[in-house]
Amino acid sequence: MCDDNGEEFLKKCGEDVVDLAISNVRAGGLPFAAIIIGQSGEVIGKGVNQVAKHLDCTAHAEVQAIRAASRNEKKVSLKGATLIASGEPCALCVIAIRMAEISKVVIVSDRSEAAKHGFDYLWTYKYLNASLFHELEVLALDNDRKLLPFQLANINLRD
């Protein structure tokens, strides 16, 4: 897991979140995963999309990772933490990220790439005050395997 602060930090974290998303797809879930890195560079929370598993429309990967990180840190505020997501957070997740006071988000795939692969949540942004998203520091991470979770999920959906 990406738990150091070396040069390869973001690359390793991106690989880890892709692997987590692939594992979730193989377990019958959706291709969304998130990892939260604390200020000291350690993983403090991980989550995958468990909406269907828990019959909970809020059990998105980012929300699950925030829940895990808050439990692990024993606090609600995750100020100074970085969230790394396999897909760009939807409006619900952006609000949760802001409520947790996370200010830096790293995405492996953006919302348009997810939509092109059958996971279109672009409509959620119409409910979001644009300033909430624009106040976040969002970085896109280049990763050769970033679309693999979506591709595997599409194969599973066809079967």
N, C-alpha and C. Protein backbone atom coordinates (compact mmCIF):
# COMPACT_ATOMS: atom_id res chain seq x y z
N MET A 1 0.85 -1.18 0.00
CA MET A 1 0.00 0.00 0.00
C MET A 1 0.89 1.24 0.00
N CYS A 2 0.39 2.32 -0.55
CA CYS A 2 1.18 3.54 -0.66
C CYS A 2 1.29 4.22 0.69
N ASP A 3 2.37 3.94 1.41
CA ASP A 3 2.52 4.50 2.74
C ASP A 3 3.89 5.12 2.96
N ASP A 4 4.44 5.72 1.93
CA ASP A 4 5.67 6.46 2.12
C ASP A 4 5.54 7.80 1.42
N ASN A 5 6.52 8.63 1.56
CA ASN A 5 6.47 9.96 0.94
C ASN A 5 7.52 10.12 -0.15
N GLY A 6 7.98 9.03 -0.75
CA GLY A 6 9.01 9.09 -1.77
C GLY A 6 8.48 9.62 -3.10
N GLU A 7 9.37 9.61 -4.08
CA GLU A 7 9.04 10.15 -5.41
C GLU A 7 7.89 9.41 -6.07
N GLU A 8 7.78 8.15 -5.80
CA GLU A 8 6.77 7.32 -6.46
C GLU A 8 5.45 7.30 -5.69
N PHE A 9 5.32 8.17 -4.72
CA PHE A 9 4.16 8.17 -3.83
C PHE A 9 2.82 8.15 -4.58
N LEU A 10 2.56 9.16 -5.39
CA LEU A 10 1.28 9.23 -6.09
C LEU A 10 1.10 8.10 -7.08
N LYS A 11 2.18 7.72 -7.74
CA LYS A 11 2.09 6.61 -8.69
C LYS A 11 1.68 5.32 -7.98
N LYS A 12 2.31 5.03 -6.84
CA LYS A 12 1.96 3.84 -6.07
C LYS A 12 0.52 3.91 -5.58
N CYS A 13 0.12 5.06 -5.11
CA CYS A 13 -1.26 5.22 -4.63
C CYS A 13 -2.25 5.02 -5.76
N GLY A 14 -1.95 5.55 -6.93
CA GLY A 14 -2.81 5.35 -8.09
C GLY A 14 -2.92 3.87 -8.45
N GLU A 15 -1.81 3.16 -8.43
CA GLU A 15 -1.83 1.72 -8.70
C GLU A 15 -2.66 1.00 -7.65
N ASP A 16 -2.48 1.39 -6.39
CA ASP A 16 -3.22 0.74 -5.30
C ASP A 16 -4.72 0.95 -5.44
N VAL A 17 -5.13 2.15 -5.80
CA VAL A 17 -6.57 2.42 -5.92
C VAL A 17 -7.15 1.69 -7.13
N VAL A 18 -6.38 1.57 -8.22
CA VAL A 18 -6.84 0.78 -9.37
C VAL A 18 -6.98 -0.68 -8.97
N ASP A 19 -6.00 -1.21 -8.24
CA ASP A 19 -6.08 -2.60 -7.78
C ASP A 19 -7.29 -2.82 -6.88
N LEU A 20 -7.57 -1.88 -6.00
CA LEU A 20 -8.72 -1.97 -5.11
C LEU A 20 -10.02 -1.96 -5.92
N ALA A 21 -10.09 -1.11 -6.94
CA ALA A 21 -11.29 -1.06 -7.80
C ALA A 21 -11.46 -2.37 -8.57
N ILE A 22 -10.37 -2.92 -9.07
CA ILE A 22 -10.43 -4.20 -9.79
C ILE A 22 -10.92 -5.30 -8.86
N SER A 23 -10.40 -5.33 -7.64
CA SER A 23 -10.84 -6.34 -6.66
C SER A 23 -12.33 -6.21 -6.38
N ASN A 24 -12.82 -4.97 -6.30
CA ASN A 24 -14.25 -4.76 -6.06
C ASN A 24 -15.09 -5.26 -7.23
N VAL A 25 -14.63 -5.01 -8.44
CA VAL A 25 -15.35 -5.51 -9.63
C VAL A 25 -15.36 -7.03 -9.63
N ARG A 26 -14.23 -7.64 -9.33
CA ARG A 26 -14.15 -9.12 -9.30
C ARG A 26 -15.05 -9.71 -8.23
N ALA A 27 -15.33 -8.93 -7.19
CA ALA A 27 -16.22 -9.38 -6.12
C ALA A 27 -17.68 -9.06 -6.43
N GLY A 28 -17.93 -8.53 -7.64
CA GLY A 28 -19.30 -8.22 -8.05
C GLY A 28 -19.72 -6.78 -7.85
N GLY A 29 -18.78 -5.93 -7.46
CA GLY A 29 -19.09 -4.52 -7.21
C GLY A 29 -18.80 -3.63 -8.40
N LEU A 30 -18.92 -2.35 -8.17
CA LEU A 30 -18.68 -1.36 -9.22
C LEU A 30 -17.20 -0.93 -9.20
N PRO A 31 -16.73 -0.31 -10.30
CA PRO A 31 -15.30 -0.01 -10.46
C PRO A 31 -14.81 1.26 -9.76
N PHE A 32 -15.31 1.48 -8.56
CA PHE A 32 -14.93 2.70 -7.85
C PHE A 32 -14.28 2.34 -6.52
N ALA A 33 -13.12 2.95 -6.27
CA ALA A 33 -12.37 2.74 -5.03
C ALA A 33 -11.73 4.06 -4.63
N ALA A 34 -11.44 4.18 -3.34
CA ALA A 34 -10.78 5.39 -2.84
C ALA A 34 -9.87 5.01 -1.67
N ILE A 35 -8.79 5.76 -1.58
CA ILE A 35 -7.83 5.61 -0.49
C ILE A 35 -7.60 7.01 0.08
N ILE A 36 -7.51 7.10 1.39
CA ILE A 36 -7.21 8.38 2.03
C ILE A 36 -5.86 8.27 2.71
N ILE A 37 -5.01 9.24 2.39
CA ILE A 37 -3.65 9.31 2.94
C ILE A 37 -3.61 10.43 3.97
N GLY A 38 -3.14 10.10 5.17
CA GLY A 38 -3.03 11.10 6.23
C GLY A 38 -1.84 12.03 6.02
N GLN A 39 -1.73 13.01 6.86
CA GLN A 39 -0.68 14.01 6.75
C GLN A 39 0.72 13.42 6.82
N SER A 40 0.86 12.30 7.51
CA SER A 40 2.18 11.66 7.65
C SER A 40 2.49 10.69 6.51
N GLY A 41 1.58 10.58 5.54
CA GLY A 41 1.83 9.72 4.39
C GLY A 41 1.34 8.30 4.54
N GLU A 42 0.59 8.00 5.60
CA GLU A 42 0.10 6.65 5.80
C GLU A 42 -1.36 6.54 5.33
N VAL A 43 -1.74 5.33 4.94
CA VAL A 43 -3.13 5.08 4.56
C VAL A 43 -3.97 5.08 5.83
N ILE A 44 -4.96 5.95 5.88
CA ILE A 44 -5.83 6.00 7.05
C ILE A 44 -7.24 5.51 6.75
N GLY A 45 -7.56 5.31 5.48
CA GLY A 45 -8.88 4.79 5.12
C GLY A 45 -8.91 4.30 3.70
N LYS A 46 -9.69 3.26 3.48
CA LYS A 46 -9.91 2.71 2.13
C LYS A 46 -11.40 2.44 1.99
N GLY A 47 -11.88 2.53 0.77
CA GLY A 47 -13.28 2.22 0.54
C GLY A 47 -13.52 1.84 -0.91
N VAL A 48 -14.57 1.05 -1.10
CA VAL A 48 -15.03 0.69 -2.44
C VAL A 48 -16.52 0.97 -2.50
N ASN A 49 -17.04 1.08 -3.69
CA ASN A 49 -18.47 1.32 -3.85
C ASN A 49 -19.22 0.08 -3.38
N GLN A 50 -20.08 0.27 -2.37
CA GLN A 50 -20.87 -0.82 -1.81
C GLN A 50 -22.35 -0.49 -1.78
N VAL A 51 -22.79 0.31 -2.74
CA VAL A 51 -24.18 0.72 -2.81
C VAL A 51 -25.10 -0.50 -2.88
N ALA A 52 -24.84 -1.41 -3.83
CA ALA A 52 -25.69 -2.59 -4.00
C ALA A 52 -25.56 -3.55 -2.81
N LYS A 53 -24.35 -3.74 -2.35
CA LYS A 53 -24.10 -4.68 -1.25
C LYS A 53 -24.85 -4.28 0.01
N HIS A 54 -24.84 -2.99 0.34
CA HIS A 54 -25.47 -2.51 1.57
C HIS A 54 -26.86 -1.91 1.34
N LEU A 55 -27.32 -1.88 0.08
CA LEU A 55 -28.58 -1.22 -0.25
C LEU A 55 -28.62 0.17 0.36
N ASP A 56 -27.53 0.90 0.11
CA ASP A 56 -27.32 2.23 0.68
C ASP A 56 -26.80 3.14 -0.42
N CYS A 57 -27.63 4.06 -0.86
CA CYS A 57 -27.25 4.92 -1.99
C CYS A 57 -26.10 5.87 -1.65
N THR A 58 -25.69 5.95 -0.39
CA THR A 58 -24.57 6.80 -0.01
C THR A 58 -23.27 6.02 0.15
N ALA A 59 -23.28 4.72 -0.07
CA ALA A 59 -22.09 3.90 0.17
C ALA A 59 -21.13 3.93 -1.02
N HIS A 60 -20.84 5.12 -1.50
CA HIS A 60 -19.87 5.32 -2.57
C HIS A 60 -18.47 5.09 -2.01
N ALA A 61 -17.51 4.82 -2.87
CA ALA A 61 -16.14 4.51 -2.45
C ALA A 61 -15.55 5.63 -1.59
N GLU A 62 -15.73 6.86 -2.02
CA GLU A 62 -15.16 7.99 -1.29
C GLU A 62 -15.78 8.11 0.10
N VAL A 63 -17.09 7.94 0.18
CA VAL A 63 -17.79 8.02 1.46
C VAL A 63 -17.34 6.88 2.37
N GLN A 64 -17.20 5.68 1.81
CA GLN A 64 -16.74 4.54 2.61
C GLN A 64 -15.32 4.77 3.12
N ALA A 65 -14.47 5.36 2.29
CA ALA A 65 -13.10 5.66 2.71
C ALA A 65 -13.09 6.73 3.80
N ILE A 66 -13.95 7.73 3.68
CA ILE A 66 -14.05 8.78 4.71
C ILE A 66 -14.53 8.16 6.02
N ARG A 67 -15.52 7.29 5.94
CA ARG A 67 -16.02 6.62 7.15
C ARG A 67 -14.89 5.84 7.83
N ALA A 68 -14.15 5.08 7.05
CA ALA A 68 -13.05 4.27 7.60
C ALA A 68 -11.96 5.17 8.20
N ALA A 69 -11.60 6.23 7.49
CA ALA A 69 -10.55 7.13 7.98
C ALA A 69 -10.99 7.83 9.27
N SER A 70 -12.23 8.26 9.32
CA SER A 70 -12.73 8.93 10.53
C SER A 70 -12.72 7.97 11.72
N ARG A 71 -13.11 6.72 11.48
CA ARG A 71 -13.05 5.72 12.57
C ARG A 71 -11.60 5.49 13.00
N ASN A 72 -10.71 5.32 12.03
CA ASN A 72 -9.30 5.06 12.34
C ASN A 72 -8.64 6.22 13.07
N GLU A 73 -8.99 7.43 12.65
CA GLU A 73 -8.39 8.62 13.26
C GLU A 73 -9.15 9.09 14.50
N LYS A 74 -10.34 8.51 14.69
CA LYS A 74 -11.21 8.87 15.82
C LYS A 74 -11.57 10.36 15.82
N LYS A 75 -11.84 10.86 14.62
CA LYS A 75 -12.27 12.25 14.49
C LYS A 75 -13.01 12.43 13.16
N VAL A 76 -13.82 13.46 13.12
CA VAL A 76 -14.61 13.75 11.92
C VAL A 76 -13.79 14.51 10.89
N SER A 77 -12.99 15.45 11.34
CA SER A 77 -12.20 16.25 10.41
C SER A 77 -10.97 15.47 9.93
N LEU A 78 -10.82 15.43 8.63
CA LEU A 78 -9.65 14.80 8.01
C LEU A 78 -8.78 15.86 7.34
N LYS A 79 -8.77 17.03 7.94
CA LYS A 79 -8.01 18.17 7.41
C LYS A 79 -6.55 17.76 7.20
N GLY A 80 -6.03 18.10 6.03
CA GLY A 80 -4.65 17.77 5.69
C GLY A 80 -4.50 16.43 4.99
N ALA A 81 -5.57 15.65 4.92
CA ALA A 81 -5.52 14.35 4.24
C ALA A 81 -5.73 14.53 2.74
N THR A 82 -5.30 13.52 1.99
CA THR A 82 -5.49 13.48 0.54
C THR A 82 -6.33 12.26 0.19
N LEU A 83 -7.34 12.46 -0.64
CA LEU A 83 -8.18 11.36 -1.10
C LEU A 83 -7.78 11.03 -2.53
N ILE A 84 -7.53 9.75 -2.80
CA ILE A 84 -7.18 9.29 -4.14
C ILE A 84 -8.30 8.38 -4.60
N ALA A 85 -8.89 8.69 -5.74
CA ALA A 85 -10.07 7.97 -6.21
C ALA A 85 -9.86 7.39 -7.61
N SER A 86 -10.42 6.21 -7.83
CA SER A 86 -10.32 5.58 -9.15
C SER A 86 -11.12 6.34 -10.20
N GLY A 87 -12.17 7.01 -9.76
CA GLY A 87 -12.98 7.85 -10.65
C GLY A 87 -13.21 9.20 -10.00
N GLU A 88 -13.39 10.20 -10.81
CA GLU A 88 -13.63 11.54 -10.26
C GLU A 88 -14.88 11.52 -9.39
N PRO A 89 -14.81 12.08 -8.19
CA PRO A 89 -15.95 12.04 -7.28
C PRO A 89 -17.21 12.71 -7.86
N CYS A 90 -18.35 12.07 -7.61
CA CYS A 90 -19.64 12.64 -8.01
C CYS A 90 -19.99 13.77 -7.04
N ALA A 91 -21.12 14.41 -7.26
CA ALA A 91 -21.53 15.54 -6.42
C ALA A 91 -21.70 15.13 -4.96
N LEU A 92 -22.32 13.99 -4.70
CA LEU A 92 -22.49 13.51 -3.33
C LEU A 92 -21.13 13.39 -2.64
N CYS A 93 -20.18 12.81 -3.34
CA CYS A 93 -18.85 12.59 -2.75
C CYS A 93 -18.08 13.89 -2.57
N VAL A 94 -18.25 14.83 -3.49
CA VAL A 94 -17.61 16.14 -3.34
C VAL A 94 -18.09 16.79 -2.05
N ILE A 95 -19.38 16.71 -1.78
CA ILE A 95 -19.92 17.31 -0.56
C ILE A 95 -19.35 16.59 0.67
N ALA A 96 -19.31 15.26 0.63
CA ALA A 96 -18.75 14.50 1.75
C ALA A 96 -17.27 14.84 1.96
N ILE A 97 -16.53 14.97 0.87
CA ILE A 97 -15.11 15.33 0.95
C ILE A 97 -14.95 16.70 1.61
N ARG A 98 -15.78 17.63 1.20
CA ARG A 98 -15.72 18.98 1.80
C ARG A 98 -16.11 18.95 3.27
N MET A 99 -17.14 18.15 3.61
CA MET A 99 -17.57 18.06 5.01
C MET A 99 -16.48 17.46 5.89
N ALA A 100 -15.69 16.54 5.31
CA ALA A 100 -14.58 15.94 6.05
C ALA A 100 -13.36 16.85 6.08
N GLU A 101 -13.44 17.98 5.40
CA GLU A 101 -12.37 18.98 5.33
C GLU A 101 -11.12 18.49 4.59
N ILE A 102 -11.33 17.54 3.69
CA ILE A 102 -10.25 17.10 2.81
C ILE A 102 -10.15 18.15 1.71
N SER A 103 -8.96 18.64 1.44
CA SER A 103 -8.84 19.70 0.44
C SER A 103 -8.11 19.27 -0.81
N LYS A 104 -7.50 18.08 -0.78
CA LYS A 104 -6.76 17.62 -1.95
C LYS A 104 -7.32 16.28 -2.41
N VAL A 105 -7.64 16.21 -3.70
CA VAL A 105 -8.19 15.00 -4.31
C VAL A 105 -7.34 14.66 -5.53
N VAL A 106 -6.98 13.41 -5.63
CA VAL A 106 -6.23 12.92 -6.80
C VAL A 106 -7.15 11.91 -7.48
N ILE A 107 -7.36 12.10 -8.78
CA ILE A 107 -8.23 11.19 -9.52
C ILE A 107 -7.41 10.42 -10.55
N VAL A 108 -7.81 9.17 -10.74
CA VAL A 108 -7.15 8.32 -11.73
C VAL A 108 -7.89 8.43 -13.07
N SER A 109 -9.23 8.42 -13.03
CA SER A 109 -10.05 8.60 -14.23
C SER A 109 -11.01 9.75 -13.99
N ASP A 110 -11.28 10.52 -15.02
CA ASP A 110 -12.20 11.64 -14.83
C ASP A 110 -13.64 11.23 -15.15
N ARG A 111 -14.56 12.12 -14.87
CA ARG A 111 -15.99 11.84 -15.02
C ARG A 111 -16.38 11.51 -16.46
N SER A 112 -15.73 12.12 -17.42
CA SER A 112 -16.04 11.85 -18.83
C SER A 112 -15.57 10.46 -19.24
N GLU A 113 -14.40 10.04 -18.73
CA GLU A 113 -13.91 8.70 -19.03
C GLU A 113 -14.84 7.64 -18.43
N ALA A 114 -15.30 7.88 -17.21
CA ALA A 114 -16.24 6.95 -16.58
C ALA A 114 -17.53 6.87 -17.40
N ALA A 115 -18.03 8.02 -17.83
CA ALA A 115 -19.27 8.05 -18.62
C ALA A 115 -19.11 7.29 -19.94
N LYS A 116 -17.97 7.45 -20.60
CA LYS A 116 -17.73 6.75 -21.86
C LYS A 116 -17.72 5.24 -21.69
N HIS A 117 -17.45 4.80 -20.46
CA HIS A 117 -17.39 3.36 -20.19
C HIS A 117 -18.64 2.86 -19.45
N GLY A 118 -19.74 3.62 -19.56
CA GLY A 118 -21.02 3.16 -19.05
C GLY A 118 -21.36 3.56 -17.62
N PHE A 119 -20.55 4.42 -17.02
CA PHE A 119 -20.79 4.84 -15.65
C PHE A 119 -20.97 6.36 -15.64
N ASP A 120 -22.14 6.78 -16.10
CA ASP A 120 -22.42 8.20 -16.31
C ASP A 120 -23.12 8.80 -15.09
N TYR A 121 -22.37 9.58 -14.34
CA TYR A 121 -22.93 10.28 -13.19
C TYR A 121 -22.78 11.80 -13.38
N LEU A 122 -22.63 12.20 -14.64
CA LEU A 122 -22.46 13.62 -14.94
C LEU A 122 -23.66 14.44 -14.46
N TRP A 123 -24.84 13.83 -14.47
CA TRP A 123 -26.06 14.53 -14.06
C TRP A 123 -25.99 15.01 -12.61
N THR A 124 -25.17 14.33 -11.76
CA THR A 124 -25.14 14.71 -10.35
C THR A 124 -24.58 16.11 -10.14
N TYR A 125 -23.75 16.55 -11.06
CA TYR A 125 -23.11 17.85 -10.89
C TYR A 125 -24.08 19.01 -11.01
N LYS A 126 -25.25 18.79 -11.62
CA LYS A 126 -26.20 19.90 -11.73
C LYS A 126 -26.76 20.29 -10.36
N TYR A 127 -26.63 19.41 -9.38
CA TYR A 127 -27.09 19.70 -8.03
C TYR A 127 -26.01 20.30 -7.14
N LEU A 128 -24.84 20.46 -7.70
CA LEU A 128 -23.68 20.89 -6.92
C LEU A 128 -23.36 22.35 -7.19
N ASN A 129 -23.18 23.10 -6.12
CA ASN A 129 -22.70 24.46 -6.26
C ASN A 129 -21.26 24.36 -6.76
N ALA A 130 -20.99 24.88 -7.92
CA ALA A 130 -19.68 24.73 -8.56
C ALA A 130 -18.53 25.18 -7.66
N SER A 131 -18.77 26.14 -6.80
CA SER A 131 -17.68 26.63 -5.95
C SER A 131 -17.18 25.54 -4.99
N LEU A 132 -18.05 24.61 -4.60
CA LEU A 132 -17.62 23.52 -3.71
C LEU A 132 -16.56 22.66 -4.36
N PHE A 133 -16.71 22.43 -5.66
CA PHE A 133 -15.75 21.60 -6.38
C PHE A 133 -14.49 22.39 -6.70
N HIS A 134 -14.67 23.63 -7.07
CA HIS A 134 -13.53 24.43 -7.50
C HIS A 134 -12.61 24.82 -6.34
N GLU A 135 -13.11 24.75 -5.11
CA GLU A 135 -12.27 25.06 -3.96
C GLU A 135 -11.37 23.89 -3.58
N LEU A 136 -11.61 22.73 -4.17
CA LEU A 136 -10.75 21.57 -3.92
C LEU A 136 -9.53 21.63 -4.83
N GLU A 137 -8.42 21.13 -4.33
CA GLU A 137 -7.25 20.95 -5.18
C GLU A 137 -7.41 19.57 -5.81
N VAL A 138 -7.64 19.52 -7.12
CA VAL A 138 -7.87 18.24 -7.81
C VAL A 138 -6.75 18.02 -8.81
N LEU A 139 -6.08 16.90 -8.67
CA LEU A 139 -5.00 16.52 -9.57
C LEU A 139 -5.39 15.26 -10.32
N ALA A 140 -5.09 15.21 -11.60
CA ALA A 140 -5.32 13.99 -12.39
C ALA A 140 -4.01 13.23 -12.47
N LEU A 141 -4.10 11.95 -12.21
CA LEU A 141 -2.94 11.08 -12.19
C LEU A 141 -2.91 10.25 -13.47
N ASP A 142 -1.79 10.25 -14.16
CA ASP A 142 -1.67 9.45 -15.37
C ASP A 142 -1.38 8.00 -14.97
N ASN A 143 -2.20 7.09 -15.48
CA ASN A 143 -2.06 5.69 -15.13
C ASN A 143 -2.50 4.85 -16.33
N ASP A 144 -1.63 3.97 -16.79
CA ASP A 144 -1.93 3.15 -17.96
C ASP A 144 -3.09 2.18 -17.73
N ARG A 145 -3.36 1.83 -16.47
CA ARG A 145 -4.39 0.85 -16.15
C ARG A 145 -5.69 1.49 -15.67
N LYS A 146 -5.81 2.80 -15.77
CA LYS A 146 -6.92 3.51 -15.15
C LYS A 146 -8.30 3.08 -15.64
N LEU A 147 -8.41 2.62 -16.87
CA LEU A 147 -9.72 2.24 -17.40
C LEU A 147 -10.03 0.75 -17.21
N LEU A 148 -9.06 -0.02 -16.76
CA LEU A 148 -9.25 -1.45 -16.58
C LEU A 148 -10.42 -1.80 -15.66
N PRO A 149 -10.60 -1.14 -14.51
CA PRO A 149 -11.76 -1.48 -13.68
C PRO A 149 -13.09 -1.28 -14.41
N PHE A 150 -13.20 -0.21 -15.20
CA PHE A 150 -14.43 0.06 -15.95
C PHE A 150 -14.64 -1.00 -17.04
N GLN A 151 -13.58 -1.36 -17.72
CA GLN A 151 -13.66 -2.38 -18.76
C GLN A 151 -14.07 -3.72 -18.18
N LEU A 152 -13.48 -4.11 -17.06
CA LEU A 152 -13.85 -5.37 -16.41
C LEU A 152 -15.30 -5.35 -15.94
N ALA A 153 -15.74 -4.22 -15.41
CA ALA A 153 -17.12 -4.09 -14.96
C ALA A 153 -18.08 -4.25 -16.13
N ASN A 154 -17.74 -3.68 -17.26
CA ASN A 154 -18.60 -3.81 -18.45
C ASN A 154 -18.68 -5.25 -18.91
N ILE A 155 -17.60 -5.99 -18.82
CA ILE A 155 -17.62 -7.41 -19.17
C ILE A 155 -18.54 -8.16 -18.22
N ASN A 156 -18.43 -7.86 -16.92
CA ASN A 156 -19.30 -8.49 -15.92
C ASN A 156 -20.77 -8.17 -16.15
N LEU A 157 -21.05 -6.93 -16.55
CA LEU A 157 -22.44 -6.52 -16.76
C LEU A 157 -23.04 -7.22 -17.98
N ARG A 158 -22.22 -7.55 -18.96
CA ARG A 158 -22.71 -8.24 -20.16
C ARG A 158 -22.96 -9.72 -19.91
N ASP A 159 -22.23 -10.29 -18.98
CA ASP A 159 -22.36 -11.74 -18.70
C ASP A 159 -23.64 -12.09 -18.01
